[in-house]
Structures are given as structure tokens and as C-alpha cells.
Amino acid sequence: MKNVTISDELYQNLAAMKQPGESFSDVINRLVYRNKVKVKAFYGGLKGSKALDELESEVRKNRKESVPREFK
């Protein structure tokens, strides 16, 4: 067993994440070893949705308004 020092803010965040019966070690373990989600898992999830139409519209608008940078 080791002692570690963490900020009050981090302590509060970890405490909020604790599930019933979990220790702080359990919470940290869960966060460190959680399964990573691959972006490909979401591919096509918005197809045909209004949200995708709005996102595409915003991207097009931002592209028109952006100014290209010069690289030297």
C-alpha cells in the first residue's frame, strides 16, 4: 500500500465517480484500465440524421470563413 497526494479538486472528482462499495483504488483502477473506444465504432451512426446535416452545414460555413495559413 502506498500513499499519494492529489489536489482537492481531483479528490472531489474521484469521489463523485465512486460507485457503491468502491474504494478510491477501485475508481483509479477502473479509469486506468478502462477499455478504449475506437472511433470506427461510431462510423455511420449519424447517417440520415438532422444532427449530421447541421454539422455538415457548420463545417462548410467554417471552411468558407477560414483563411489559409502560409507555411515557410
N, C-alpha and C. Protein backbone atom coordinates (compact mmCIF):
# COMPACT_ATOMS: atom_id res chain seq x y z
N MET A 1 0.85 -1.18 0.00
CA MET A 1 0.00 0.00 0.00
C MET A 1 0.89 1.23 0.00
N LYS A 2 0.50 2.24 -0.83
CA LYS A 2 1.25 3.49 -0.95
C LYS A 2 0.31 4.66 -0.70
N ASN A 3 0.86 5.73 -0.20
CA ASN A 3 0.11 6.98 -0.04
C ASN A 3 0.46 7.90 -1.19
N VAL A 4 -0.53 8.60 -1.71
CA VAL A 4 -0.30 9.59 -2.77
C VAL A 4 -1.00 10.88 -2.39
N THR A 5 -0.50 11.99 -2.92
CA THR A 5 -1.12 13.28 -2.68
C THR A 5 -1.79 13.73 -3.97
N ILE A 6 -3.05 14.13 -3.85
CA ILE A 6 -3.79 14.64 -5.00
C ILE A 6 -4.45 15.96 -4.61
N SER A 7 -4.80 16.76 -5.61
CA SER A 7 -5.44 18.05 -5.33
C SER A 7 -6.85 17.82 -4.79
N ASP A 8 -7.37 18.82 -4.12
CA ASP A 8 -8.74 18.74 -3.59
C ASP A 8 -9.74 18.55 -4.73
N GLU A 9 -9.50 19.24 -5.85
CA GLU A 9 -10.40 19.13 -7.00
C GLU A 9 -10.42 17.71 -7.54
N LEU A 10 -9.26 17.08 -7.67
CA LEU A 10 -9.20 15.71 -8.16
C LEU A 10 -9.87 14.77 -7.17
N TYR A 11 -9.67 14.99 -5.89
CA TYR A 11 -10.32 14.17 -4.87
C TYR A 11 -11.84 14.22 -5.03
N GLN A 12 -12.37 15.44 -5.21
CA GLN A 12 -13.81 15.60 -5.37
C GLN A 12 -14.31 14.89 -6.63
N ASN A 13 -13.54 14.99 -7.73
CA ASN A 13 -13.92 14.30 -8.97
C ASN A 13 -13.93 12.79 -8.79
N LEU A 14 -12.91 12.27 -8.14
CA LEU A 14 -12.85 10.82 -7.90
C LEU A 14 -13.98 10.38 -6.97
N ALA A 15 -14.25 11.18 -5.95
CA ALA A 15 -15.32 10.84 -5.01
C ALA A 15 -16.67 10.80 -5.73
N ALA A 16 -16.87 11.71 -6.69
CA ALA A 16 -18.13 11.74 -7.45
C ALA A 16 -18.25 10.53 -8.38
N MET A 17 -17.11 9.95 -8.77
CA MET A 17 -17.11 8.82 -9.69
C MET A 17 -17.24 7.48 -8.96
N LYS A 18 -17.04 7.50 -7.64
CA LYS A 18 -17.12 6.25 -6.89
C LYS A 18 -18.50 5.65 -6.98
N GLN A 19 -18.52 4.37 -7.21
CA GLN A 19 -19.77 3.62 -7.21
C GLN A 19 -19.92 2.95 -5.85
N PRO A 20 -21.14 2.58 -5.49
CA PRO A 20 -21.34 1.96 -4.18
C PRO A 20 -20.40 0.77 -3.96
N GLY A 21 -19.72 0.77 -2.82
CA GLY A 21 -18.82 -0.32 -2.48
C GLY A 21 -17.42 -0.20 -3.06
N GLU A 22 -17.17 0.84 -3.85
CA GLU A 22 -15.84 1.02 -4.46
C GLU A 22 -14.92 1.83 -3.56
N SER A 23 -13.66 1.47 -3.57
CA SER A 23 -12.64 2.27 -2.90
C SER A 23 -12.06 3.24 -3.93
N PHE A 24 -11.26 4.19 -3.47
CA PHE A 24 -10.59 5.10 -4.39
C PHE A 24 -9.65 4.32 -5.31
N SER A 25 -9.02 3.30 -4.78
CA SER A 25 -8.15 2.45 -5.61
C SER A 25 -8.95 1.79 -6.73
N ASP A 26 -10.16 1.36 -6.40
CA ASP A 26 -11.02 0.75 -7.42
C ASP A 26 -11.36 1.75 -8.53
N VAL A 27 -11.67 2.98 -8.15
CA VAL A 27 -12.01 4.01 -9.13
C VAL A 27 -10.82 4.28 -10.04
N ILE A 28 -9.65 4.47 -9.44
CA ILE A 28 -8.46 4.76 -10.23
C ILE A 28 -8.13 3.58 -11.14
N ASN A 29 -8.25 2.38 -10.62
CA ASN A 29 -8.00 1.17 -11.42
C ASN A 29 -8.96 1.12 -12.61
N ARG A 30 -10.23 1.41 -12.37
CA ARG A 30 -11.23 1.39 -13.43
C ARG A 30 -10.89 2.41 -14.52
N LEU A 31 -10.45 3.59 -14.10
CA LEU A 31 -10.11 4.64 -15.06
C LEU A 31 -8.85 4.31 -15.84
N VAL A 32 -7.85 3.77 -15.17
CA VAL A 32 -6.57 3.48 -15.83
C VAL A 32 -6.71 2.32 -16.81
N TYR A 33 -7.48 1.34 -16.46
CA TYR A 33 -7.56 0.14 -17.29
C TYR A 33 -8.85 0.00 -18.09
N ARG A 34 -9.61 1.10 -18.18
CA ARG A 34 -10.86 1.01 -18.94
C ARG A 34 -10.57 0.74 -20.42
N ASN A 35 -11.52 0.12 -21.04
CA ASN A 35 -11.39 -0.20 -22.46
C ASN A 35 -11.48 1.08 -23.28
N LYS A 36 -10.60 1.20 -24.23
CA LYS A 36 -10.62 2.35 -25.13
C LYS A 36 -11.68 2.11 -26.20
N VAL A 37 -12.41 3.15 -26.53
CA VAL A 37 -13.42 3.05 -27.58
C VAL A 37 -12.79 3.54 -28.87
N LYS A 38 -12.92 2.75 -29.91
CA LYS A 38 -12.38 3.14 -31.21
C LYS A 38 -13.40 3.99 -31.95
N VAL A 39 -12.91 5.04 -32.59
CA VAL A 39 -13.77 5.95 -33.32
C VAL A 39 -14.57 5.20 -34.39
N LYS A 40 -13.98 4.17 -34.97
CA LYS A 40 -14.67 3.40 -36.00
C LYS A 40 -15.98 2.81 -35.51
N ALA A 41 -16.11 2.62 -34.22
CA ALA A 41 -17.34 2.05 -33.67
C ALA A 41 -18.53 2.97 -33.90
N PHE A 42 -18.28 4.25 -34.12
CA PHE A 42 -19.35 5.23 -34.31
C PHE A 42 -19.60 5.55 -35.78
N TYR A 43 -18.83 4.95 -36.67
CA TYR A 43 -18.94 5.24 -38.10
C TYR A 43 -20.36 4.97 -38.59
N GLY A 44 -20.94 5.97 -39.23
CA GLY A 44 -22.28 5.82 -39.80
C GLY A 44 -23.41 6.02 -38.81
N GLY A 45 -23.09 6.30 -37.57
CA GLY A 45 -24.11 6.44 -36.54
C GLY A 45 -25.05 7.62 -36.74
N LEU A 46 -24.60 8.65 -37.45
CA LEU A 46 -25.44 9.83 -37.68
C LEU A 46 -26.05 9.86 -39.07
N LYS A 47 -25.80 8.83 -39.85
CA LYS A 47 -26.27 8.82 -41.24
C LYS A 47 -27.77 9.10 -41.32
N GLY A 48 -28.11 10.10 -42.15
CA GLY A 48 -29.51 10.44 -42.36
C GLY A 48 -30.14 11.26 -41.25
N SER A 49 -29.36 11.70 -40.27
CA SER A 49 -29.94 12.45 -39.15
C SER A 49 -29.85 13.96 -39.37
N LYS A 50 -30.73 14.69 -38.71
CA LYS A 50 -30.71 16.15 -38.77
C LYS A 50 -29.40 16.69 -38.17
N ALA A 51 -28.91 16.03 -37.14
CA ALA A 51 -27.67 16.47 -36.49
C ALA A 51 -26.51 16.44 -37.48
N LEU A 52 -26.46 15.41 -38.32
CA LEU A 52 -25.39 15.32 -39.31
C LEU A 52 -25.53 16.43 -40.34
N ASP A 53 -26.74 16.73 -40.77
CA ASP A 53 -26.96 17.82 -41.72
C ASP A 53 -26.49 19.15 -41.13
N GLU A 54 -26.81 19.39 -39.87
CA GLU A 54 -26.39 20.63 -39.20
C GLU A 54 -24.88 20.68 -39.05
N LEU A 55 -24.27 19.57 -38.71
CA LEU A 55 -22.82 19.51 -38.57
C LEU A 55 -22.13 19.79 -39.90
N GLU A 56 -22.61 19.16 -40.97
CA GLU A 56 -22.03 19.39 -42.28
C GLU A 56 -22.17 20.84 -42.70
N SER A 57 -23.31 21.44 -42.41
CA SER A 57 -23.54 22.85 -42.72
C SER A 57 -22.54 23.75 -41.99
N GLU A 58 -22.32 23.46 -40.71
CA GLU A 58 -21.37 24.25 -39.92
C GLU A 58 -19.94 24.09 -40.44
N VAL A 59 -19.58 22.88 -40.82
CA VAL A 59 -18.24 22.63 -41.35
C VAL A 59 -18.04 23.42 -42.64
N ARG A 60 -19.02 23.37 -43.53
CA ARG A 60 -18.92 24.12 -44.79
C ARG A 60 -18.79 25.62 -44.53
N LYS A 61 -19.60 26.12 -43.61
CA LYS A 61 -19.56 27.54 -43.24
C LYS A 61 -18.18 27.92 -42.71
N ASN A 62 -17.64 27.11 -41.81
CA ASN A 62 -16.32 27.39 -41.23
C ASN A 62 -15.22 27.34 -42.28
N ARG A 63 -15.33 26.42 -43.23
CA ARG A 63 -14.34 26.32 -44.29
C ARG A 63 -14.34 27.56 -45.16
N LYS A 64 -15.53 28.09 -45.46
CA LYS A 64 -15.63 29.30 -46.28
C LYS A 64 -15.05 30.51 -45.56
N GLU A 65 -15.22 30.56 -44.24
CA GLU A 65 -14.77 31.70 -43.46
C GLU A 65 -13.31 31.61 -43.05
N SER A 66 -12.71 30.46 -43.18
CA SER A 66 -11.33 30.30 -42.72
C SER A 66 -10.34 30.88 -43.73
N VAL A 67 -9.21 31.32 -43.22
CA VAL A 67 -8.15 31.90 -44.04
C VAL A 67 -6.97 30.91 -44.02
N PRO A 68 -6.53 30.46 -45.20
CA PRO A 68 -5.40 29.52 -45.22
C PRO A 68 -4.12 30.16 -44.67
N ARG A 69 -3.33 29.35 -43.98
CA ARG A 69 -2.05 29.83 -43.47
C ARG A 69 -0.97 29.55 -44.49
N GLU A 70 0.03 30.41 -44.44
CA GLU A 70 1.20 30.18 -45.30
C GLU A 70 2.28 29.48 -44.50
N PHE A 71 2.84 28.45 -45.07
CA PHE A 71 3.94 27.74 -44.42
C PHE A 71 5.22 28.10 -45.14
N LYS A 72 6.21 28.41 -44.35
CA LYS A 72 7.51 28.81 -44.94
C LYS A 72 8.56 27.78 -44.64
